[in-house]
Each structure stands twice: as structure tokens, then as C-alpha cells.
Protein backbone atom coordinates (compact mmCIF):
# COMPACT_ATOMS: atom_id res chain seq x y z
CA UNK A 1 -0.30 -0.16 -0.22
CA UNK A 2 1.22 3.51 -1.11
CA UNK A 3 1.15 6.13 2.04
CA UNK A 4 0.96 9.69 0.84
CA UNK A 5 2.12 11.93 3.96
CA UNK A 6 2.71 15.84 3.82
CA UNK A 7 3.41 18.14 6.48
CA UNK A 8 1.92 21.79 7.38
CA UNK A 9 5.25 23.86 6.82
CA UNK A 10 6.82 21.69 4.04
CA UNK A 11 5.13 21.77 0.31
CA UNK A 12 6.85 18.26 -0.01
CA UNK A 13 5.17 15.36 -0.96
CA UNK A 14 6.29 11.63 0.41
CA UNK A 15 5.38 8.44 -0.33
CA UNK A 16 5.96 4.77 1.52
CA UNK A 17 4.88 2.41 0.65
CA UNK A 18 4.01 -0.50 3.04
CA UNK A 19 3.06 -3.35 3.92
CA UNK A 20 -0.30 -3.37 4.78
CA UNK A 21 -0.57 -7.15 7.11
CA UNK A 22 2.04 -7.05 10.08
CA UNK A 23 2.55 -4.40 12.64
CA UNK A 24 1.38 -1.57 10.89
CA UNK A 25 1.05 0.03 14.11
CA UNK A 26 4.50 0.38 14.71
CA UNK A 27 4.76 1.92 11.88
CA UNK A 28 2.39 5.17 11.63
CA UNK A 29 4.54 4.98 14.96
CA UNK A 30 7.67 5.71 13.82
CA UNK A 31 6.81 7.63 9.83
CA UNK A 32 7.66 10.64 10.76
CA UNK A 33 10.88 8.80 11.56
CA UNK A 34 11.74 6.89 9.05
CA UNK A 35 10.84 8.88 6.49
CA UNK A 36 14.20 11.04 6.90
CA UNK A 37 16.36 8.71 6.72
CA UNK A 38 18.02 9.31 4.02
CA UNK A 39 18.93 5.72 2.74
CA UNK A 40 15.57 4.67 2.44
CA UNK A 41 14.46 6.89 -0.13
CA UNK A 42 13.59 5.28 -3.38
CA UNK A 43 17.32 6.07 -6.23
CA UNK A 44 15.94 6.68 -9.95
CA UNK A 45 12.90 7.85 -11.75
CA UNK A 46 9.94 7.79 -9.49
CA UNK A 47 7.05 7.34 -11.92
CA UNK A 48 4.20 8.91 -9.41
CA UNK A 49 3.02 12.47 -10.03
CA UNK A 50 1.61 13.04 -6.34
CA UNK A 51 5.14 12.92 -5.04
CA UNK A 52 8.53 14.66 -5.24
CA UNK A 53 10.01 11.43 -2.31
CA UNK A 54 10.08 7.77 -3.04
CA UNK A 55 10.63 5.83 0.72
CA UNK A 56 10.32 2.47 0.71
CA UNK A 57 9.08 0.23 4.16
CA UNK A 58 7.72 -2.75 2.95
CA UNK A 59 10.84 -5.20 5.06
CA UNK A 60 10.25 -2.76 7.61
């Protein structure tokens, strides 16, 4: 599942690919800090017009 996250003070929208099973509640609680980790960012062309960054959290 892809979640789109934005912040009131920021114009960037971050997309996070997550697995809807497992510890989704824990993932949602940790999401603010996880989207800041640059090593999780998907590199290359992002084929999603709704976001400026994509984070892969499927295996988190």
C-alpha cells in the first residue's frame, strides 16, 4: 500500500510503500522519523506524479 504524507510547513509530499499486514500501528508511529532516513529513499526516476520522494518501508 502507498501512503502519502505531507507536513503543514513543507511543500514536499513523501510517498511510503508499506505492507498492510504486520506491525502497521508501530510503523505509523515511527513514520515521521523513518521518512527522514535518506538510505530508505528510492533512487532513480519516481513514476508517481503525487509525490516528490518515495520511501520503501515494505520490509520494515
